[in-house]
Amino acid sequence: MNTYQVDPWTALGDPTRRAIFERIADRSCAVVEIARELPVSRPAVSQHLKVLKEAGLVMDHPAGTRRIYSLNPAGVGALRADLERFWSKSLAAYKRVAEQANEEGS
């Protein structure tokens, strides 16, 4: 059992993990397919996938002797919810500043 939880934003802070995440977003694929498209080894890709999986951003399933990786909808949904929350706060702050400026200008 894994008790260490990786923060999804931290996981995506690494450029290689972000590139892997983007490739998996395009289509589900195996480690060998991802490694073929990146300047890193298969073991390195596996380690990056492990971090992304621990962060809840990707999931895998067996396909013969390989594991196929795809985005985890729940993890991606959580990222989206974070962004929505940040965006809502930013818009509310902007609205307050604009209203204050409008009141002062009247």
C-alpha atoms as a PDB file:
ATOM      1  CA  MET A   1       0.000   0.000   0.000  1.00  0.00           C
ATOM      2  CA  ASN A   2       1.312   3.437  -0.960  1.00  0.00           C
ATOM      3  CA  THR A   3       0.933   6.099   1.735  1.00  0.00           C
ATOM      4  CA  TYR A   4       2.849   8.770  -0.211  1.00  0.00           C
ATOM      5  CA  GLN A   5       0.602  10.973  -2.322  1.00  0.00           C
ATOM      6  CA  VAL A   6       2.167  13.099  -5.056  1.00  0.00           C
ATOM      7  CA  ASP A   7       0.591  16.508  -5.663  1.00  0.00           C
ATOM      8  CA  PRO A   8      -0.722  16.614  -9.254  1.00  0.00           C
ATOM      9  CA  TRP A   9       0.534  20.156  -9.835  1.00  0.00           C
ATOM     10  CA  THR A  10       4.001  19.191  -8.618  1.00  0.00           C
ATOM     11  CA  ALA A  11       3.944  16.099 -10.832  1.00  0.00           C
ATOM     12  CA  LEU A  12       3.136  18.232 -13.873  1.00  0.00           C
ATOM     13  CA  GLY A  13       5.878  20.716 -12.948  1.00  0.00           C
ATOM     14  CA  ASP A  14       8.448  18.444 -14.547  1.00  0.00           C
ATOM     15  CA  PRO A  15       8.727  19.073 -18.328  1.00  0.00           C
ATOM     16  CA  THR A  16       9.208  15.388 -19.162  1.00  0.00           C
ATOM     17  CA  ARG A  17       6.168  14.339 -17.123  1.00  0.00           C
ATOM     18  CA  ARG A  18       4.147  17.100 -18.761  1.00  0.00           C
ATOM     19  CA  ALA A  19       5.209  15.827 -22.204  1.00  0.00           C
ATOM     20  CA  ILE A  20       4.218  12.279 -21.228  1.00  0.00           C
ATOM     21  CA  PHE A  21       0.884  13.546 -19.880  1.00  0.00           C
ATOM     22  CA  GLU A  22       0.224  15.391 -23.156  1.00  0.00           C
ATOM     23  CA  ARG A  23       1.004  12.290 -25.226  1.00  0.00           C
ATOM     24  CA  ILE A  24      -1.310  10.153 -23.132  1.00  0.00           C
ATOM     25  CA  ALA A  25      -3.998  12.836 -23.450  1.00  0.00           C
ATOM     26  CA  ASP A  26      -3.826  12.359 -27.229  1.00  0.00           C
ATOM     27  CA  ARG A  27      -4.144   8.570 -26.996  1.00  0.00           C
ATOM     28  CA  SER A  28      -3.609   5.712 -24.587  1.00  0.00           C
ATOM     29  CA  CYS A  29      -0.259   4.016 -25.065  1.00  0.00           C
ATOM     30  CA  ALA A  30       2.421   1.773 -23.613  1.00  0.00           C
ATOM     31  CA  VAL A  31       5.773   2.820 -22.143  1.00  0.00           C
ATOM     32  CA  VAL A  32       7.675   1.737 -25.240  1.00  0.00           C
ATOM     33  CA  GLU A  33       5.499   3.971 -27.449  1.00  0.00           C
ATOM     34  CA  ILE A  34       6.021   6.968 -25.170  1.00  0.00           C
ATOM     35  CA  ALA A  35       9.785   6.386 -24.904  1.00  0.00           C
ATOM     36  CA  ARG A  36      10.036   6.191 -28.692  1.00  0.00           C
ATOM     37  CA  GLU A  37       8.763   9.786 -28.899  1.00  0.00           C
ATOM     38  CA  LEU A  38      10.939  11.268 -26.122  1.00  0.00           C
ATOM     39  CA  PRO A  39      14.686  11.636 -25.549  1.00  0.00           C
ATOM     40  CA  VAL A  40      14.543   9.519 -22.366  1.00  0.00           C
ATOM     41  CA  SER A  41      14.909   5.801 -21.693  1.00  0.00           C
ATOM     42  CA  ARG A  42      12.050   3.372 -21.107  1.00  0.00           C
ATOM     43  CA  PRO A  43      12.996   3.011 -17.420  1.00  0.00           C
ATOM     44  CA  ALA A  44      12.911   6.799 -17.056  1.00  0.00           C
ATOM     45  CA  VAL A  45       9.479   6.935 -18.707  1.00  0.00           C
ATOM     46  CA  SER A  46       8.302   4.209 -16.321  1.00  0.00           C
ATOM     47  CA  GLN A  47       9.482   6.247 -13.341  1.00  0.00           C
ATOM     48  CA  HIS A  48       7.717   9.357 -14.634  1.00  0.00           C
ATOM     49  CA  LEU A  49       4.542   7.341 -15.200  1.00  0.00           C
ATOM     50  CA  LYS A  50       4.779   6.050 -11.643  1.00  0.00           C
ATOM     51  CA  VAL A  51       4.802   9.637 -10.338  1.00  0.00           C
ATOM     52  CA  LEU A  52       1.872  10.594 -12.586  1.00  0.00           C
ATOM     53  CA  LYS A  53      -0.030   7.527 -11.410  1.00  0.00           C
ATOM     54  CA  GLU A  54       0.664   8.303  -7.733  1.00  0.00           C
ATOM     55  CA  ALA A  55      -0.599  11.830  -8.397  1.00  0.00           C
ATOM     56  CA  GLY A  56      -3.836  10.333  -9.721  1.00  0.00           C
ATOM     57  CA  LEU A  57      -3.359  11.732 -13.219  1.00  0.00           C
ATOM     58  CA  VAL A  58      -2.904   8.495 -15.162  1.00  0.00           C
ATOM     59  CA  MET A  59      -4.084   4.936 -14.811  1.00  0.00           C
ATOM     60  CA  ASP A  60      -3.010   1.735 -16.476  1.00  0.00           C
ATOM     61  CA  HIS A  61      -4.392  -1.617 -17.464  1.00  0.00           C
ATOM     62  CA  PRO A  62      -2.721  -4.789 -18.690  1.00  0.00           C
ATOM     63  CA  ALA A  63      -2.712  -5.694 -22.375  1.00  0.00           C
ATOM     64  CA  GLY A  64      -0.790  -8.914 -22.796  1.00  0.00           C
ATOM     65  CA  THR A  65       2.738  -8.317 -21.526  1.00  0.00           C
ATOM     66  CA  ARG A  66       2.393  -4.538 -21.652  1.00  0.00           C
ATOM     67  CA  ARG A  67       0.613  -1.948 -19.563  1.00  0.00           C
ATOM     68  CA  ILE A  68      -1.428   0.657 -21.394  1.00  0.00           C
ATOM     69  CA  TYR A  69      -1.567   4.099 -19.819  1.00  0.00           C
ATOM     70  CA  SER A  70      -4.424   6.580 -20.149  1.00  0.00           C
ATOM     71  CA  LEU A  71      -5.542   9.705 -18.358  1.00  0.00           C
ATOM     72  CA  ASN A  72      -7.428   9.235 -15.116  1.00  0.00           C
ATOM     73  CA  PRO A  73     -10.665  11.233 -15.550  1.00  0.00           C
ATOM     74  CA  ALA A  74     -11.021  11.755 -11.782  1.00  0.00           C
ATOM     75  CA  GLY A  75      -7.512  13.189 -11.469  1.00  0.00           C
ATOM     76  CA  VAL A  76      -7.898  15.435 -14.496  1.00  0.00           C
ATOM     77  CA  GLY A  77     -11.289  16.534 -13.151  1.00  0.00           C
ATOM     78  CA  ALA A  78      -9.675  17.527  -9.861  1.00  0.00           C
ATOM     79  CA  LEU A  79      -7.135  19.673 -11.743  1.00  0.00           C
ATOM     80  CA  ARG A  80      -9.929  21.293 -13.679  1.00  0.00           C
ATOM     81  CA  ALA A  81     -11.850  21.987 -10.452  1.00  0.00           C
ATOM     82  CA  ASP A  82      -8.737  23.661  -9.013  1.00  0.00           C
ATOM     83  CA  LEU A  83      -8.419  25.842 -12.094  1.00  0.00           C
ATOM     84  CA  GLU A  84     -12.110  26.737 -11.985  1.00  0.00           C
ATOM     85  CA  ARG A  85     -11.749  27.735  -8.329  1.00  0.00           C
ATOM     86  CA  PHE A  86      -8.684  29.889  -9.086  1.00  0.00           C
ATOM     87  CA  TRP A  87     -10.410  31.443 -12.083  1.00  0.00           C
ATOM     88  CA  SER A  88     -13.568  32.221 -10.089  1.00  0.00           C
ATOM     89  CA  LYS A  89     -11.537  33.881  -7.337  1.00  0.00           C
ATOM     90  CA  SER A  90      -9.609  35.932  -9.889  1.00  0.00           C
ATOM     91  CA  LEU A  91     -12.779  37.081 -11.644  1.00  0.00           C
ATOM     92  CA  ALA A  92     -14.406  38.017  -8.317  1.00  0.00           C
ATOM     93  CA  ALA A  93     -11.320  40.031  -7.316  1.00  0.00           C
ATOM     94  CA  TYR A  94     -11.270  41.769 -10.690  1.00  0.00           C
ATOM     95  CA  LYS A  95     -14.967  42.598 -10.361  1.00  0.00           C
ATOM     96  CA  ARG A  96     -14.388  44.153  -6.911  1.00  0.00           C
ATOM     97  CA  VAL A  97     -11.515  46.291  -8.199  1.00  0.00           C
ATOM     98  CA  ALA A  98     -13.502  47.383 -11.273  1.00  0.00           C
ATOM     99  CA  GLU A  99     -16.545  48.276  -9.164  1.00  0.00           C
ATOM    100  CA  GLN A 100     -14.381  50.196  -6.686  1.00  0.00           C
ATOM    101  CA  ALA A 101     -12.694  52.119  -9.513  1.00  0.00           C
ATOM    102  CA  ASN A 102     -16.114  52.869 -11.016  1.00  0.00           C
ATOM    103  CA  GLU A 103     -17.420  54.173  -7.684  1.00  0.00           C
ATOM    104  CA  GLU A 104     -14.350  56.350  -7.170  1.00  0.00           C
ATOM    105  CA  GLY A 105     -14.630  57.719 -10.704  1.00  0.00           C
ATOM    106  CA  SER A 106     -18.278  58.707 -10.287  1.00  0.00           C
END
